[in-house]
């Protein structure tokens, strides 16, 4: 039986609309169960704090619990691989950091390619590191520290939250540009490194403002400089490393990623809600207290940042000769 032309065109148009309607319905229904935010570092560090802040907002806005799951180890690679292998349905998110960018070069063999296998969702925040020392160190400025380190080659221990962590590569960049030689002491996370820095077991570390600011204000650590190109509003009296080591700049960043084939409408919904959080006065005030700069990126903009950071820190890793443990 032949359908009249008008009837045929009407049916064809209806069929064409079905995929779009399906996509819209899927986005509206999401999430249908609790969502995991996988963090590659231990609780209480910067990534964990960011994940819990954003997770609380998303839980309140989207009607399902966004549960933070810490999977430390491998410089964040264990967590990243767990997300790469997860179902691409928006119910498993990755709290991405600068470590993901440096690990691409630091590790000779990974079971994934971060840029290829993780879809960027949204940038959250860029955060400076603070070059902090144990108060027993006589240096009270970056030039004094450089002179002290050069007078005591390989006698100073530089702690990090792990090989390849942002605190490590920021320190390697400083060593390279300042011409100093310090012994790198990697820890499994920032917490134990902080403990040993406070007790004097190690002498210097490049901590995020998120992790260090309260200890600086309490006088338990001495801040010599922040690592961003401009001073931090949270620590306005602390100079930048670049004021003494021209061209030095380092910062970490936090964002959200999902498995590569996650539907675009789910990525867009998450991006919209995360950016709404970053525009909220209460959330903005909390982030300002932590010393960071809000990103509020689109997925494409966050992807561009990841690509640029992967190239930058790849060069530093190669120059330093750093190797994964």
C-alpha atoms as a PDB file:
ATOM      1  CA  UNK A   1       0.000   0.000   0.000  1.00  0.00           C
ATOM      2  CA  UNK A   2       1.353   3.388  -0.975  1.00  0.00           C
ATOM      3  CA  UNK A   3       1.034   6.202   1.543  1.00  0.00           C
ATOM      4  CA  UNK A   4      -0.086   9.629   0.392  1.00  0.00           C
ATOM      5  CA  UNK A   5       2.904  11.966   0.034  1.00  0.00           C
ATOM      6  CA  UNK A   6       1.768  14.283   2.858  1.00  0.00           C
ATOM      7  CA  UNK A   7       1.298  11.341   5.224  1.00  0.00           C
ATOM      8  CA  UNK A   8       4.686   9.896   4.274  1.00  0.00           C
ATOM      9  CA  UNK A   9       6.504  13.190   4.916  1.00  0.00           C
ATOM     10  CA  UNK A  10       4.748  13.564   8.275  1.00  0.00           C
ATOM     11  CA  UNK A  11       5.861  10.097   9.392  1.00  0.00           C
ATOM     12  CA  UNK A  12       9.410  10.650   8.152  1.00  0.00           C
ATOM     13  CA  UNK A  13       9.665  13.894  10.101  1.00  0.00           C
ATOM     14  CA  UNK A  14       8.437  12.148  13.223  1.00  0.00           C
ATOM     15  CA  UNK A  15      11.094   9.435  12.895  1.00  0.00           C
ATOM     16  CA  UNK A  16      13.807  12.083  12.461  1.00  0.00           C
ATOM     17  CA  UNK A  17      12.761  13.790  15.688  1.00  0.00           C
ATOM     18  CA  UNK A  18      12.931  10.595  17.765  1.00  0.00           C
ATOM     19  CA  UNK A  19      16.731  10.624  18.425  1.00  0.00           C
ATOM     20  CA  UNK A  20      16.619  14.246  19.586  1.00  0.00           C
ATOM     21  CA  UNK A  21      13.667  13.516  21.865  1.00  0.00           C
ATOM     22  CA  UNK A  22      15.516  10.478  23.241  1.00  0.00           C
ATOM     23  CA  UNK A  23      18.622  12.563  23.976  1.00  0.00           C
ATOM     24  CA  UNK A  24      16.608  15.263  25.723  1.00  0.00           C
ATOM     25  CA  UNK A  25      14.761  12.679  27.810  1.00  0.00           C
ATOM     26  CA  UNK A  26      18.027  11.013  28.781  1.00  0.00           C
ATOM     27  CA  UNK A  27      19.513  14.330  29.919  1.00  0.00           C
ATOM     28  CA  UNK A  28      16.370  15.212  31.876  1.00  0.00           C
ATOM     29  CA  UNK A  29      16.339  11.834  33.634  1.00  0.00           C
ATOM     30  CA  UNK A  30      20.047  11.948  34.554  1.00  0.00           C
ATOM     31  CA  UNK A  31      21.184  10.971  37.126  1.00  0.00           C
ATOM     32  CA  UNK A  32      19.084   7.909  37.846  1.00  0.00           C
ATOM     33  CA  UNK A  33      21.198   6.634  40.755  1.00  0.00           C
ATOM     34  CA  UNK A  34      24.057   7.823  43.001  1.00  0.00           C
ATOM     35  CA  UNK A  35      27.100   9.166  41.136  1.00  0.00           C
ATOM     36  CA  UNK A  36      30.702   8.439  42.115  1.00  0.00           C
ATOM     37  CA  UNK A  37      33.367  11.147  41.955  1.00  0.00           C
ATOM     38  CA  UNK A  38      36.673   9.296  41.834  1.00  0.00           C
ATOM     39  CA  UNK A  39      39.624  11.145  43.396  1.00  0.00           C
ATOM     40  CA  UNK A  40      43.154   9.877  42.858  1.00  0.00           C
ATOM     41  CA  UNK A  41      44.510  11.168  46.150  1.00  0.00           C
ATOM     42  CA  UNK A  42      43.867  10.659  49.844  1.00  0.00           C
ATOM     43  CA  UNK A  43      41.228  12.561  51.834  1.00  0.00           C
ATOM     44  CA  UNK A  44      41.882  16.118  53.079  1.00  0.00           C
ATOM     45  CA  UNK A  45      44.083  17.169  50.160  1.00  0.00           C
ATOM     46  CA  UNK A  46      43.177  19.742  47.526  1.00  0.00           C
ATOM     47  CA  UNK A  47      41.545  17.308  45.055  1.00  0.00           C
ATOM     48  CA  UNK A  48      39.434  15.775  47.824  1.00  0.00           C
ATOM     49  CA  UNK A  49      38.302  19.193  49.059  1.00  0.00           C
ATOM     50  CA  UNK A  50      37.308  20.249  45.527  1.00  0.00           C
ATOM     51  CA  UNK A  51      35.434  17.011  44.877  1.00  0.00           C
ATOM     52  CA  UNK A  52      33.430  17.280  48.087  1.00  0.00           C
ATOM     53  CA  UNK A  53      32.565  20.928  47.486  1.00  0.00           C
ATOM     54  CA  UNK A  54      31.285  20.290  43.963  1.00  0.00           C
ATOM     55  CA  UNK A  55      29.724  16.960  44.952  1.00  0.00           C
ATOM     56  CA  UNK A  56      27.624  18.603  47.647  1.00  0.00           C
ATOM     57  CA  UNK A  57      26.325  21.179  45.164  1.00  0.00           C
ATOM     58  CA  UNK A  58      25.479  18.560  42.531  1.00  0.00           C
ATOM     59  CA  UNK A  59      23.745  16.380  45.125  1.00  0.00           C
ATOM     60  CA  UNK A  60      21.488  19.255  46.106  1.00  0.00           C
ATOM     61  CA  UNK A  61      20.774  20.311  42.526  1.00  0.00           C
ATOM     62  CA  UNK A  62      20.319  16.978  40.765  1.00  0.00           C
ATOM     63  CA  UNK A  63      18.465  14.916  43.360  1.00  0.00           C
ATOM     64  CA  UNK A  64      20.981  12.079  43.668  1.00  0.00           C
ATOM     65  CA  UNK A  65      23.988  11.676  45.935  1.00  0.00           C
ATOM     66  CA  UNK A  66      27.367  12.482  44.387  1.00  0.00           C
ATOM     67  CA  UNK A  67      29.678  10.353  46.511  1.00  0.00           C
ATOM     68  CA  UNK A  68      33.419  11.008  46.699  1.00  0.00           C
ATOM     69  CA  UNK A  69      35.516   7.854  46.397  1.00  0.00           C
ATOM     70  CA  UNK A  70      39.241   8.194  47.127  1.00  0.00           C
ATOM     71  CA  UNK A  71      41.525   5.855  45.186  1.00  0.00           C
ATOM     72  CA  UNK A  72      45.067   7.056  45.900  1.00  0.00           C
ATOM     73  CA  UNK A  73      48.094   5.566  44.227  1.00  0.00           C
ATOM     74  CA  UNK A  74      50.049   5.741  41.016  1.00  0.00           C
ATOM     75  CA  UNK A  75      50.046   9.536  40.994  1.00  0.00           C
ATOM     76  CA  UNK A  76      46.327   9.516  40.288  1.00  0.00           C
ATOM     77  CA  UNK A  77      46.543   6.836  37.580  1.00  0.00           C
ATOM     78  CA  UNK A  78      44.599   4.209  39.534  1.00  0.00           C
ATOM     79  CA  UNK A  79      41.631   6.554  39.805  1.00  0.00           C
ATOM     80  CA  UNK A  80      41.888   7.656  36.175  1.00  0.00           C
ATOM     81  CA  UNK A  81      41.932   4.086  34.874  1.00  0.00           C
ATOM     82  CA  UNK A  82      38.888   3.245  37.011  1.00  0.00           C
ATOM     83  CA  UNK A  83      36.961   6.042  35.291  1.00  0.00           C
ATOM     84  CA  UNK A  84      38.242   5.105  31.836  1.00  0.00           C
ATOM     85  CA  UNK A  85      36.923   1.552  32.392  1.00  0.00           C
ATOM     86  CA  UNK A  86      33.586   2.668  33.868  1.00  0.00           C
ATOM     87  CA  UNK A  87      30.283   2.743  31.995  1.00  0.00           C
ATOM     88  CA  UNK A  88      30.010   5.931  29.938  1.00  0.00           C
ATOM     89  CA  UNK A  89      26.665   6.964  31.400  1.00  0.00           C
ATOM     90  CA  UNK A  90      27.608   9.919  33.588  1.00  0.00           C
ATOM     91  CA  UNK A  91      27.475   7.988  36.858  1.00  0.00           C
ATOM     92  CA  UNK A  92      31.273   7.880  37.294  1.00  0.00           C
ATOM     93  CA  UNK A  93      33.201  11.156  37.274  1.00  0.00           C
ATOM     94  CA  UNK A  94      36.913  11.876  37.626  1.00  0.00           C
ATOM     95  CA  UNK A  95      38.301  14.764  39.658  1.00  0.00           C
ATOM     96  CA  UNK A  96      41.057  15.658  37.195  1.00  0.00           C
ATOM     97  CA  UNK A  97      44.235  17.501  38.219  1.00  0.00           C
ATOM     98  CA  UNK A  98      47.526  18.689  36.760  1.00  0.00           C
ATOM     99  CA  UNK A  99      48.964  15.262  37.661  1.00  0.00           C
ATOM    100  CA  UNK A 100      46.974  13.821  34.780  1.00  0.00           C
ATOM    101  CA  UNK A 101      48.873  16.151  32.447  1.00  0.00           C
ATOM    102  CA  UNK A 102      52.355  15.354  33.781  1.00  0.00           C
ATOM    103  CA  UNK A 103      51.731  11.610  34.055  1.00  0.00           C
ATOM    104  CA  UNK A 104      51.407  11.352  30.279  1.00  0.00           C
ATOM    105  CA  UNK A 105      55.185  11.860  30.061  1.00  0.00           C
ATOM    106  CA  UNK A 106      56.295  10.696  33.496  1.00  0.00           C
ATOM    107  CA  UNK A 107      55.017   7.141  33.050  1.00  0.00           C
ATOM    108  CA  UNK A 108      56.498   5.138  30.202  1.00  0.00           C
ATOM    109  CA  UNK A 109      53.472   2.866  29.961  1.00  0.00           C
ATOM    110  CA  UNK A 110      49.894   3.573  30.980  1.00  0.00           C
ATOM    111  CA  UNK A 111      46.807   1.493  30.280  1.00  0.00           C
ATOM    112  CA  UNK A 112      45.051   4.565  28.932  1.00  0.00           C
ATOM    113  CA  UNK A 113      45.657   7.837  27.126  1.00  0.00           C
ATOM    114  CA  UNK A 114      44.199  10.633  29.232  1.00  0.00           C
ATOM    115  CA  UNK A 115      43.435  13.021  26.375  1.00  0.00           C
ATOM    116  CA  UNK A 116      41.991  10.263  24.203  1.00  0.00           C
ATOM    117  CA  UNK A 117      40.044   8.324  26.845  1.00  0.00           C
ATOM    118  CA  UNK A 118      38.639  11.016  29.159  1.00  0.00           C
ATOM    119  CA  UNK A 119      36.118  13.601  27.968  1.00  0.00           C
ATOM    120  CA  UNK A 120      36.526  17.026  29.616  1.00  0.00           C
ATOM    121  CA  UNK A 121      33.408  18.298  31.376  1.00  0.00           C
ATOM    122  CA  UNK A 122      34.345  21.481  33.231  1.00  0.00           C
ATOM    123  CA  UNK A 123      37.288  23.263  34.758  1.00  0.00           C
ATOM    124  CA  UNK A 124      36.688  24.196  38.391  1.00  0.00           C
ATOM    125  CA  UNK A 125      39.588  26.169  39.716  1.00  0.00           C
ATOM    126  CA  UNK A 126      43.250  27.065  39.177  1.00  0.00           C
ATOM    127  CA  UNK A 127      45.247  27.162  42.404  1.00  0.00           C
ATOM    128  CA  UNK A 128      48.749  28.449  43.126  1.00  0.00           C
ATOM    129  CA  UNK A 129      51.289  26.456  44.994  1.00  0.00           C
ATOM    130  CA  UNK A 130      53.050  28.067  47.904  1.00  0.00           C
ATOM    131  CA  UNK A 131      56.732  27.474  48.403  1.00  0.00           C
ATOM    132  CA  UNK A 132      56.789  26.697  52.121  1.00  0.00           C
ATOM    133  CA  UNK A 133      59.628  25.758  54.426  1.00  0.00           C
ATOM    134  CA  UNK A 134      59.960  24.480  57.946  1.00  0.00           C
ATOM    135  CA  UNK A 135      60.542  27.499  60.243  1.00  0.00           C
ATOM    136  CA  UNK A 136      63.932  26.050  61.248  1.00  0.00           C
ATOM    137  CA  UNK A 137      65.290  26.891  57.806  1.00  0.00           C
ATOM    138  CA  UNK A 138      67.124  30.231  58.081  1.00  0.00           C
ATOM    139  CA  UNK A 139      65.981  31.495  54.672  1.00  0.00           C
ATOM    140  CA  UNK A 140      63.163  34.048  54.815  1.00  0.00           C
ATOM    141  CA  UNK A 141      62.964  34.826  51.101  1.00  0.00           C
ATOM    142  CA  UNK A 142      63.416  33.050  47.788  1.00  0.00           C
ATOM    143  CA  UNK A 143      66.875  34.589  47.133  1.00  0.00           C
ATOM    144  CA  UNK A 144      68.014  33.578  50.622  1.00  0.00           C
ATOM    145  CA  UNK A 145      66.669  30.066  50.051  1.00  0.00           C
ATOM    146  CA  UNK A 146      68.445  29.736  46.705  1.00  0.00           C
ATOM    147  CA  UNK A 147      71.728  30.865  48.296  1.00  0.00           C
ATOM    148  CA  UNK A 148      71.239  28.450  51.206  1.00  0.00           C
ATOM    149  CA  UNK A 149      70.444  25.544  48.861  1.00  0.00           C
ATOM    150  CA  UNK A 150      73.462  26.261  46.673  1.00  0.00           C
ATOM    151  CA  UNK A 151      75.670  26.352  49.761  1.00  0.00           C
ATOM    152  CA  UNK A 152      74.216  22.994  50.868  1.00  0.00           C
ATOM    153  CA  UNK A 153      73.779  20.922  47.687  1.00  0.00           C
ATOM    154  CA  UNK A 154      71.617  17.809  48.158  1.00  0.00           C
ATOM    155  CA  UNK A 155      71.325  18.482  51.880  1.00  0.00           C
ATOM    156  CA  UNK A 156      67.775  19.825  51.619  1.00  0.00           C
ATOM    157  CA  UNK A 157      64.849  17.467  51.166  1.00  0.00           C
ATOM    158  CA  UNK A 158      61.962  18.564  48.949  1.00  0.00           C
ATOM    159  CA  UNK A 159      58.743  16.737  49.804  1.00  0.00           C
ATOM    160  CA  UNK A 160      55.918  16.066  47.386  1.00  0.00           C
ATOM    161  CA  UNK A 161      52.546  14.340  47.412  1.00  0.00           C
ATOM    162  CA  UNK A 162      54.013  11.695  45.111  1.00  0.00           C
ATOM    163  CA  UNK A 163      56.139  11.333  42.027  1.00  0.00           C
ATOM    164  CA  UNK A 164      54.408  13.206  39.241  1.00  0.00           C
ATOM    165  CA  UNK A 165      52.060  15.078  41.582  1.00  0.00           C
ATOM    166  CA  UNK A 166      51.736  18.791  40.992  1.00  0.00           C
ATOM    167  CA  UNK A 167      53.829  19.515  44.089  1.00  0.00           C
ATOM    168  CA  UNK A 168      56.619  17.430  42.552  1.00  0.00           C
ATOM    169  CA  UNK A 169      56.696  18.984  39.097  1.00  0.00           C
ATOM    170  CA  UNK A 170      56.383  22.522  40.507  1.00  0.00           C
ATOM    171  CA  UNK A 171      59.470  21.750  42.598  1.00  0.00           C
ATOM    172  CA  UNK A 172      61.319  20.271  39.628  1.00  0.00           C
ATOM    173  CA  UNK A 173      60.602  23.413  37.620  1.00  0.00           C
ATOM    174  CA  UNK A 174      62.025  25.514  40.472  1.00  0.00           C
ATOM    175  CA  UNK A 175      65.139  23.349  40.721  1.00  0.00           C
ATOM    176  CA  UNK A 176      65.655  23.635  36.980  1.00  0.00           C
ATOM    177  CA  UNK A 177      65.173  27.403  36.753  1.00  0.00           C
ATOM    178  CA  UNK A 178      66.917  28.362  40.021  1.00  0.00           C
ATOM    179  CA  UNK A 179      69.840  25.987  39.485  1.00  0.00           C
ATOM    180  CA  UNK A 180      69.595  24.248  42.848  1.00  0.00           C
ATOM    181  CA  UNK A 181      69.946  20.581  43.725  1.00  0.00           C
ATOM    182  CA  UNK A 182      67.615  19.149  46.347  1.00  0.00           C
ATOM    183  CA  UNK A 183      66.657  15.570  47.167  1.00  0.00           C
ATOM    184  CA  UNK A 184      63.089  14.745  46.146  1.00  0.00           C
ATOM    185  CA  UNK A 185      61.162  12.796  48.793  1.00  0.00           C
ATOM    186  CA  UNK A 186      57.833  11.535  47.418  1.00  0.00           C
ATOM    187  CA  UNK A 187      54.969  10.621  49.759  1.00  0.00           C
ATOM    188  CA  UNK A 188      51.762   8.722  49.058  1.00  0.00           C
ATOM    189  CA  UNK A 189      49.719  11.882  49.585  1.00  0.00           C
ATOM    190  CA  UNK A 190      49.969  15.464  50.813  1.00  0.00           C
ATOM    191  CA  UNK A 191      48.943  14.642  54.399  1.00  0.00           C
ATOM    192  CA  UNK A 192      52.017  12.638  55.456  1.00  0.00           C
ATOM    193  CA  UNK A 193      54.277  15.081  53.597  1.00  0.00           C
ATOM    194  CA  UNK A 194      52.732  17.965  55.508  1.00  0.00           C
ATOM    195  CA  UNK A 195      53.268  16.186  58.820  1.00  0.00           C
ATOM    196  CA  UNK A 196      56.956  15.601  58.098  1.00  0.00           C
ATOM    197  CA  UNK A 197      57.436  19.163  56.877  1.00  0.00           C
ATOM    198  CA  UNK A 198      55.962  20.574  60.082  1.00  0.00           C
ATOM    199  CA  UNK A 199      58.156  18.302  62.228  1.00  0.00           C
ATOM    200  CA  UNK A 200      61.281  19.105  60.197  1.00  0.00           C
ATOM    201  CA  UNK A 201      61.859  15.682  58.648  1.00  0.00           C
ATOM    202  CA  UNK A 202      61.847  17.441  55.265  1.00  0.00           C
ATOM    203  CA  UNK A 203      62.618  21.105  54.671  1.00  0.00           C
ATOM    204  CA  UNK A 204      60.638  22.463  51.724  1.00  0.00           C
ATOM    205  CA  UNK A 205      57.545  21.718  49.700  1.00  0.00           C
ATOM    206  CA  UNK A 206      55.380  23.306  47.037  1.00  0.00           C
ATOM    207  CA  UNK A 207      51.913  22.980  48.592  1.00  0.00           C
ATOM    208  CA  UNK A 208      48.644  24.202  47.160  1.00  0.00           C
ATOM    209  CA  UNK A 209      47.065  27.117  48.984  1.00  0.00           C
ATOM    210  CA  UNK A 210      44.113  24.783  49.589  1.00  0.00           C
ATOM    211  CA  UNK A 211      46.257  22.512  51.759  1.00  0.00           C
ATOM    212  CA  UNK A 212      48.677  24.976  53.306  1.00  0.00           C
ATOM    213  CA  UNK A 213      46.982  28.301  53.961  1.00  0.00           C
ATOM    214  CA  UNK A 214      45.799  27.550  57.513  1.00  0.00           C
ATOM    215  CA  UNK A 215      49.258  26.316  58.539  1.00  0.00           C
ATOM    216  CA  UNK A 216      50.854  29.441  57.072  1.00  0.00           C
ATOM    217  CA  UNK A 217      48.457  31.717  58.950  1.00  0.00           C
ATOM    218  CA  UNK A 218      49.125  29.789  62.174  1.00  0.00           C
ATOM    219  CA  UNK A 219      52.894  30.202  61.752  1.00  0.00           C
ATOM    220  CA  UNK A 220      53.573  26.476  61.536  1.00  0.00           C
ATOM    221  CA  UNK A 221      55.001  26.866  58.038  1.00  0.00           C
ATOM    222  CA  UNK A 222      56.868  29.807  56.513  1.00  0.00           C
ATOM    223  CA  UNK A 223      55.665  30.890  53.088  1.00  0.00           C
ATOM    224  CA  UNK A 224      58.421  32.204  50.822  1.00  0.00           C
ATOM    225  CA  UNK A 225      56.459  32.735  47.616  1.00  0.00           C
ATOM    226  CA  UNK A 226      53.452  31.727  45.549  1.00  0.00           C
ATOM    227  CA  UNK A 227      54.042  30.080  42.201  1.00  0.00           C
ATOM    228  CA  UNK A 228      51.527  31.840  39.964  1.00  0.00           C
ATOM    229  CA  UNK A 229      52.435  34.778  37.707  1.00  0.00           C
ATOM    230  CA  UNK A 230      50.589  37.202  40.000  1.00  0.00           C
ATOM    231  CA  UNK A 231      50.193  37.338  43.760  1.00  0.00           C
ATOM    232  CA  UNK A 232      47.357  35.482  45.442  1.00  0.00           C
ATOM    233  CA  UNK A 233      44.468  37.471  46.884  1.00  0.00           C
ATOM    234  CA  UNK A 234      44.438  35.001  49.769  1.00  0.00           C
ATOM    235  CA  UNK A 235      48.103  35.750  50.587  1.00  0.00           C
ATOM    236  CA  UNK A 236      48.595  39.278  49.253  1.00  0.00           C
ATOM    237  CA  UNK A 237      51.812  39.952  51.189  1.00  0.00           C
ATOM    238  CA  UNK A 238      53.591  36.881  49.808  1.00  0.00           C
ATOM    239  CA  UNK A 239      55.629  37.573  46.633  1.00  0.00           C
ATOM    240  CA  UNK A 240      55.678  35.339  43.570  1.00  0.00           C
ATOM    241  CA  UNK A 241      58.584  33.051  42.727  1.00  0.00           C
ATOM    242  CA  UNK A 242      58.733  34.840  39.380  1.00  0.00           C
ATOM    243  CA  UNK A 243      59.715  38.085  41.104  1.00  0.00           C
ATOM    244  CA  UNK A 244      63.072  36.427  41.846  1.00  0.00           C
ATOM    245  CA  UNK A 245      63.234  33.660  39.211  1.00  0.00           C
ATOM    246  CA  UNK A 246      62.007  35.381  36.030  1.00  0.00           C
ATOM    247  CA  UNK A 247      59.599  33.350  33.957  1.00  0.00           C
ATOM    248  CA  UNK A 248      58.730  30.850  36.671  1.00  0.00           C
ATOM    249  CA  UNK A 249      55.029  29.951  36.814  1.00  0.00           C
ATOM    250  CA  UNK A 250      53.301  26.868  38.131  1.00  0.00           C
ATOM    251  CA  UNK A 251      49.839  26.110  39.353  1.00  0.00           C
ATOM    252  CA  UNK A 252      47.553  23.203  39.752  1.00  0.00           C
ATOM    253  CA  UNK A 253      44.002  22.983  38.526  1.00  0.00           C
ATOM    254  CA  UNK A 254      40.956  20.925  39.254  1.00  0.00           C
ATOM    255  CA  UNK A 255      38.227  19.859  36.889  1.00  0.00           C
ATOM    256  CA  UNK A 256      35.815  17.073  36.070  1.00  0.00           C
ATOM    257  CA  UNK A 257      36.097  14.427  33.381  1.00  0.00           C
ATOM    258  CA  UNK A 258      34.059  11.403  32.315  1.00  0.00           C
ATOM    259  CA  UNK A 259      34.617   8.329  30.116  1.00  0.00           C
ATOM    260  CA  UNK A 260      35.127   9.425  26.509  1.00  0.00           C
ATOM    261  CA  UNK A 261      31.859   8.180  25.013  1.00  0.00           C
ATOM    262  CA  UNK A 262      29.598   9.691  27.677  1.00  0.00           C
ATOM    263  CA  UNK A 263      26.600  11.259  25.849  1.00  0.00           C
ATOM    264  CA  UNK A 264      27.112  14.934  25.028  1.00  0.00           C
ATOM    265  CA  UNK A 265      23.817  15.936  26.624  1.00  0.00           C
ATOM    266  CA  UNK A 266      24.981  14.515  29.981  1.00  0.00           C
ATOM    267  CA  UNK A 267      28.347  16.278  29.653  1.00  0.00           C
ATOM    268  CA  UNK A 268      26.521  19.528  28.901  1.00  0.00           C
ATOM    269  CA  UNK A 269      24.176  19.097  31.869  1.00  0.00           C
ATOM    270  CA  UNK A 270      27.081  18.505  34.246  1.00  0.00           C
ATOM    271  CA  UNK A 271      28.964  21.462  32.794  1.00  0.00           C
ATOM    272  CA  UNK A 272      25.956  23.730  33.271  1.00  0.00           C
ATOM    273  CA  UNK A 273      25.454  22.673  36.891  1.00  0.00           C
ATOM    274  CA  UNK A 274      29.149  22.886  37.820  1.00  0.00           C
ATOM    275  CA  UNK A 275      29.393  26.363  36.310  1.00  0.00           C
ATOM    276  CA  UNK A 276      26.254  27.345  38.227  1.00  0.00           C
ATOM    277  CA  UNK A 277      28.047  26.292  41.407  1.00  0.00           C
ATOM    278  CA  UNK A 278      31.068  28.390  40.476  1.00  0.00           C
ATOM    279  CA  UNK A 279      28.802  31.421  40.017  1.00  0.00           C
ATOM    280  CA  UNK A 280      27.097  30.945  43.392  1.00  0.00           C
ATOM    281  CA  UNK A 281      28.242  33.607  45.928  1.00  0.00           C
ATOM    282  CA  UNK A 282      28.696  31.093  48.755  1.00  0.00           C
ATOM    283  CA  UNK A 283      30.770  28.705  46.650  1.00  0.00           C
ATOM    284  CA  UNK A 284      32.802  31.579  45.191  1.00  0.00           C
ATOM    285  CA  UNK A 285      33.561  32.847  48.690  1.00  0.00           C
ATOM    286  CA  UNK A 286      34.718  29.407  49.770  1.00  0.00           C
ATOM    287  CA  UNK A 287      36.979  29.075  46.725  1.00  0.00           C
ATOM    288  CA  UNK A 288      38.380  32.562  47.322  1.00  0.00           C
ATOM    289  CA  UNK A 289      39.272  31.549  50.887  1.00  0.00           C
ATOM    290  CA  UNK A 290      41.265  28.658  49.413  1.00  0.00           C
ATOM    291  CA  UNK A 291      43.287  31.051  47.285  1.00  0.00           C
ATOM    292  CA  UNK A 292      42.254  29.925  43.826  1.00  0.00           C
ATOM    293  CA  UNK A 293      40.864  31.414  40.630  1.00  0.00           C
ATOM    294  CA  UNK A 294      37.583  30.086  39.263  1.00  0.00           C
ATOM    295  CA  UNK A 295      37.789  28.602  35.760  1.00  0.00           C
ATOM    296  CA  UNK A 296      34.125  27.915  34.817  1.00  0.00           C
ATOM    297  CA  UNK A 297      35.236  26.479  31.461  1.00  0.00           C
ATOM    298  CA  UNK A 298      33.209  24.949  28.689  1.00  0.00           C
ATOM    299  CA  UNK A 299      34.135  21.330  27.878  1.00  0.00           C
ATOM    300  CA  UNK A 300      36.139  22.566  24.871  1.00  0.00           C
ATOM    301  CA  UNK A 301      37.990  25.191  26.919  1.00  0.00           C
ATOM    302  CA  UNK A 302      38.847  22.670  29.615  1.00  0.00           C
ATOM    303  CA  UNK A 303      40.076  20.274  26.943  1.00  0.00           C
ATOM    304  CA  UNK A 304      42.356  23.001  25.544  1.00  0.00           C
ATOM    305  CA  UNK A 305      43.777  23.659  29.013  1.00  0.00           C
ATOM    306  CA  UNK A 306      44.520  19.945  29.481  1.00  0.00           C
ATOM    307  CA  UNK A 307      46.327  19.769  26.123  1.00  0.00           C
ATOM    308  CA  UNK A 308      48.435  22.865  26.884  1.00  0.00           C
ATOM    309  CA  UNK A 309      49.352  21.641  30.362  1.00  0.00           C
ATOM    310  CA  UNK A 310      50.270  18.183  29.052  1.00  0.00           C
ATOM    311  CA  UNK A 311      52.731  19.779  26.634  1.00  0.00           C
ATOM    312  CA  UNK A 312      54.180  22.183  29.232  1.00  0.00           C
ATOM    313  CA  UNK A 313      54.776  19.669  31.984  1.00  0.00           C
ATOM    314  CA  UNK A 314      55.959  17.031  29.544  1.00  0.00           C
ATOM    315  CA  UNK A 315      58.916  19.305  28.767  1.00  0.00           C
ATOM    316  CA  UNK A 316      59.672  19.792  32.470  1.00  0.00           C
ATOM    317  CA  UNK A 317      59.539  16.057  33.169  1.00  0.00           C
ATOM    318  CA  UNK A 318      61.889  15.311  30.270  1.00  0.00           C
ATOM    319  CA  UNK A 319      64.353  18.009  31.294  1.00  0.00           C
ATOM    320  CA  UNK A 320      64.380  16.952  34.951  1.00  0.00           C
ATOM    321  CA  UNK A 321      64.805  13.282  34.150  1.00  0.00           C
ATOM    322  CA  UNK A 322      62.105  12.448  36.689  1.00  0.00           C
ATOM    323  CA  UNK A 323      60.885   8.859  36.589  1.00  0.00           C
ATOM    324  CA  UNK A 324      57.838   7.229  38.117  1.00  0.00           C
ATOM    325  CA  UNK A 325      58.571   5.005  41.092  1.00  0.00           C
END
